[in-house]
Amino acid sequence: MATETITLEIDSEAAQAFKSVSSDEREKLQVLLGIWLKGYARADSLSLKATMDEISERAQSRGLTPEILESILEEE
């Protein structure tokens, strides 16, 4: 899969959290963000909530549990 670098402006606490995780966890977060952005782009007529629900369902069907997500977000 081809990748491309983008720049996002986020609050400094979120940026620090991203920078402080391992490269493996950073890759997982990048995949999650990529899934979210692709889903959002495809959902022309869906609301943001509906899009997020759909992405959540896809992530869960691929094995992402709330516990795994919490672990990814809490690791420093």
N, C-alpha and C. Protein backbone atom coordinates (compact mmCIF):
# COMPACT_ATOMS: atom_id res chain seq x y z
N MET A 1 0.84 -1.17 0.00
CA MET A 1 0.00 0.00 0.00
C MET A 1 0.89 1.23 0.00
N ALA A 2 0.60 2.14 -0.88
CA ALA A 2 1.34 3.39 -0.95
C ALA A 2 0.94 4.30 0.21
N THR A 3 1.90 5.00 0.74
CA THR A 3 1.61 5.93 1.83
C THR A 3 2.04 7.34 1.42
N GLU A 4 1.51 8.29 2.13
CA GLU A 4 1.82 9.70 1.88
C GLU A 4 1.83 10.42 3.22
N THR A 5 2.73 11.35 3.36
CA THR A 5 2.81 12.14 4.58
C THR A 5 1.87 13.33 4.49
N ILE A 6 1.13 13.57 5.59
CA ILE A 6 0.27 14.74 5.69
C ILE A 6 0.60 15.47 6.99
N THR A 7 0.17 16.70 7.09
CA THR A 7 0.37 17.48 8.30
C THR A 7 -0.99 17.82 8.89
N LEU A 8 -1.15 17.55 10.18
CA LEU A 8 -2.38 17.85 10.89
C LEU A 8 -2.06 18.76 12.06
N GLU A 9 -2.94 19.71 12.32
CA GLU A 9 -2.79 20.54 13.51
C GLU A 9 -3.69 19.96 14.58
N ILE A 10 -3.08 19.54 15.69
CA ILE A 10 -3.81 18.99 16.83
C ILE A 10 -3.30 19.68 18.09
N ASP A 11 -4.05 19.53 19.18
CA ASP A 11 -3.60 20.19 20.41
C ASP A 11 -2.31 19.56 20.91
N SER A 12 -1.55 20.31 21.68
CA SER A 12 -0.22 19.87 22.10
C SER A 12 -0.26 18.62 22.97
N GLU A 13 -1.30 18.43 23.76
CA GLU A 13 -1.39 17.22 24.58
C GLU A 13 -1.52 15.97 23.70
N ALA A 14 -2.35 16.06 22.67
CA ALA A 14 -2.51 14.93 21.75
C ALA A 14 -1.22 14.68 20.98
N ALA A 15 -0.56 15.75 20.56
CA ALA A 15 0.71 15.61 19.84
C ALA A 15 1.75 14.93 20.71
N GLN A 16 1.84 15.33 21.97
CA GLN A 16 2.81 14.73 22.88
C GLN A 16 2.49 13.26 23.12
N ALA A 17 1.22 12.94 23.25
CA ALA A 17 0.82 11.53 23.44
C ALA A 17 1.25 10.70 22.24
N PHE A 18 1.06 11.23 21.02
CA PHE A 18 1.44 10.52 19.81
C PHE A 18 2.96 10.33 19.75
N LYS A 19 3.69 11.37 20.07
CA LYS A 19 5.15 11.31 20.02
C LYS A 19 5.75 10.38 21.06
N SER A 20 5.04 10.17 22.17
CA SER A 20 5.60 9.40 23.27
C SER A 20 5.41 7.89 23.16
N VAL A 21 4.59 7.44 22.21
CA VAL A 21 4.37 6.00 22.08
C VAL A 21 5.43 5.37 21.20
N SER A 22 5.54 4.05 21.29
CA SER A 22 6.52 3.33 20.47
C SER A 22 6.18 3.44 19.00
N SER A 23 7.14 3.15 18.15
CA SER A 23 6.89 3.24 16.71
C SER A 23 5.81 2.25 16.27
N ASP A 24 5.74 1.09 16.93
CA ASP A 24 4.70 0.10 16.62
C ASP A 24 3.32 0.66 16.95
N GLU A 25 3.18 1.28 18.10
CA GLU A 25 1.90 1.87 18.50
C GLU A 25 1.57 3.07 17.62
N ARG A 26 2.57 3.82 17.22
CA ARG A 26 2.36 4.97 16.33
C ARG A 26 1.80 4.49 14.99
N GLU A 27 2.33 3.37 14.49
CA GLU A 27 1.81 2.80 13.24
C GLU A 27 0.34 2.42 13.40
N LYS A 28 -0.01 1.83 14.53
CA LYS A 28 -1.41 1.44 14.77
C LYS A 28 -2.32 2.68 14.79
N LEU A 29 -1.86 3.73 15.43
CA LEU A 29 -2.65 4.96 15.47
C LEU A 29 -2.80 5.57 14.07
N GLN A 30 -1.74 5.49 13.27
CA GLN A 30 -1.81 6.00 11.91
C GLN A 30 -2.80 5.20 11.08
N VAL A 31 -2.83 3.87 11.28
CA VAL A 31 -3.79 3.03 10.58
C VAL A 31 -5.21 3.41 10.99
N LEU A 32 -5.44 3.58 12.29
CA LEU A 32 -6.77 3.97 12.77
C LEU A 32 -7.20 5.31 12.18
N LEU A 33 -6.31 6.27 12.14
CA LEU A 33 -6.64 7.57 11.57
C LEU A 33 -6.92 7.43 10.07
N GLY A 34 -6.13 6.62 9.38
CA GLY A 34 -6.36 6.39 7.96
C GLY A 34 -7.72 5.77 7.69
N ILE A 35 -8.10 4.79 8.51
CA ILE A 35 -9.41 4.16 8.38
C ILE A 35 -10.50 5.20 8.60
N TRP A 36 -10.35 6.00 9.62
CA TRP A 36 -11.34 7.03 9.92
C TRP A 36 -11.48 8.03 8.76
N LEU A 37 -10.35 8.49 8.23
CA LEU A 37 -10.40 9.46 7.14
C LEU A 37 -11.02 8.88 5.87
N LYS A 38 -10.67 7.62 5.54
CA LYS A 38 -11.26 6.99 4.36
C LYS A 38 -12.76 6.82 4.54
N GLY A 39 -13.16 6.39 5.71
CA GLY A 39 -14.59 6.23 5.98
C GLY A 39 -15.32 7.55 5.92
N TYR A 40 -14.71 8.58 6.44
CA TYR A 40 -15.32 9.90 6.43
C TYR A 40 -15.47 10.41 4.99
N ALA A 41 -14.45 10.18 4.17
CA ALA A 41 -14.50 10.64 2.78
C ALA A 41 -15.58 9.92 1.98
N ARG A 42 -15.83 8.64 2.30
CA ARG A 42 -16.83 7.86 1.57
C ARG A 42 -18.25 8.16 2.01
N ALA A 43 -18.40 8.78 3.13
CA ALA A 43 -19.72 8.96 3.72
C ALA A 43 -20.30 10.33 3.37
N ASP A 44 -20.50 10.58 2.10
CA ASP A 44 -20.99 11.89 1.65
C ASP A 44 -22.25 12.31 2.40
N SER A 45 -23.20 11.42 2.52
CA SER A 45 -24.47 11.81 3.10
C SER A 45 -24.63 11.38 4.56
N LEU A 46 -23.63 10.70 5.09
CA LEU A 46 -23.73 10.25 6.48
C LEU A 46 -23.26 11.34 7.44
N SER A 47 -23.82 11.34 8.61
CA SER A 47 -23.36 12.28 9.62
C SER A 47 -22.03 11.80 10.20
N LEU A 48 -21.33 12.66 10.88
CA LEU A 48 -20.06 12.30 11.51
C LEU A 48 -20.28 11.15 12.48
N LYS A 49 -21.34 11.19 13.26
CA LYS A 49 -21.62 10.12 14.22
C LYS A 49 -21.80 8.79 13.51
N ALA A 50 -22.56 8.78 12.45
CA ALA A 50 -22.79 7.54 11.70
C ALA A 50 -21.48 7.02 11.12
N THR A 51 -20.65 7.93 10.62
CA THR A 51 -19.35 7.54 10.07
C THR A 51 -18.48 6.92 11.15
N MET A 52 -18.44 7.55 12.31
CA MET A 52 -17.63 7.03 13.40
C MET A 52 -18.15 5.68 13.87
N ASP A 53 -19.46 5.51 13.91
CA ASP A 53 -20.04 4.21 14.29
C ASP A 53 -19.63 3.13 13.30
N GLU A 54 -19.67 3.45 12.01
CA GLU A 54 -19.30 2.49 10.98
C GLU A 54 -17.83 2.11 11.10
N ILE A 55 -16.97 3.08 11.33
CA ILE A 55 -15.55 2.82 11.49
C ILE A 55 -15.31 1.96 12.72
N SER A 56 -16.02 2.25 13.80
CA SER A 56 -15.90 1.47 15.02
C SER A 56 -16.28 0.01 14.77
N GLU A 57 -17.37 -0.19 14.06
CA GLU A 57 -17.80 -1.55 13.75
C GLU A 57 -16.76 -2.29 12.92
N ARG A 58 -16.19 -1.60 11.92
CA ARG A 58 -15.15 -2.23 11.09
C ARG A 58 -13.92 -2.58 11.92
N ALA A 59 -13.50 -1.65 12.77
CA ALA A 59 -12.33 -1.90 13.61
C ALA A 59 -12.58 -3.09 14.54
N GLN A 60 -13.77 -3.16 15.13
CA GLN A 60 -14.09 -4.27 16.02
C GLN A 60 -14.12 -5.59 15.25
N SER A 61 -14.64 -5.57 14.02
CA SER A 61 -14.69 -6.80 13.24
C SER A 61 -13.30 -7.27 12.85
N ARG A 62 -12.33 -6.36 12.88
CA ARG A 62 -10.94 -6.71 12.58
C ARG A 62 -10.15 -7.01 13.84
N GLY A 63 -10.84 -7.07 14.98
CA GLY A 63 -10.19 -7.48 16.22
C GLY A 63 -9.84 -6.39 17.19
N LEU A 64 -10.13 -5.15 16.88
CA LEU A 64 -9.83 -4.07 17.81
C LEU A 64 -10.91 -4.03 18.89
N THR A 65 -10.50 -4.22 20.11
CA THR A 65 -11.44 -4.17 21.23
C THR A 65 -11.27 -2.85 21.96
N PRO A 66 -12.27 -2.45 22.76
CA PRO A 66 -12.10 -1.23 23.55
C PRO A 66 -10.87 -1.30 24.45
N GLU A 67 -10.57 -2.48 24.96
CA GLU A 67 -9.40 -2.64 25.83
C GLU A 67 -8.10 -2.41 25.06
N ILE A 68 -8.01 -2.94 23.84
CA ILE A 68 -6.81 -2.74 23.03
C ILE A 68 -6.65 -1.26 22.69
N LEU A 69 -7.74 -0.61 22.30
CA LEU A 69 -7.69 0.81 21.97
C LEU A 69 -7.27 1.61 23.20
N GLU A 70 -7.83 1.32 24.34
CA GLU A 70 -7.47 2.01 25.59
C GLU A 70 -5.98 1.82 25.88
N SER A 71 -5.49 0.59 25.69
CA SER A 71 -4.08 0.30 25.92
C SER A 71 -3.19 1.13 24.98
N ILE A 72 -3.59 1.21 23.72
CA ILE A 72 -2.82 1.99 22.74
C ILE A 72 -2.78 3.45 23.16
N LEU A 73 -3.91 3.98 23.56
CA LEU A 73 -3.99 5.40 23.90
C LEU A 73 -3.33 5.74 25.23
N GLU A 74 -3.23 4.77 26.13
CA GLU A 74 -2.64 5.03 27.45
C GLU A 74 -1.13 4.82 27.49
N GLU A 75 -0.58 4.03 26.57
CA GLU A 75 0.86 3.74 26.61
C GLU A 75 1.67 5.01 26.42
N GLU A 76 2.73 5.11 27.19
CA GLU A 76 3.61 6.28 27.07
C GLU A 76 5.02 5.85 27.01
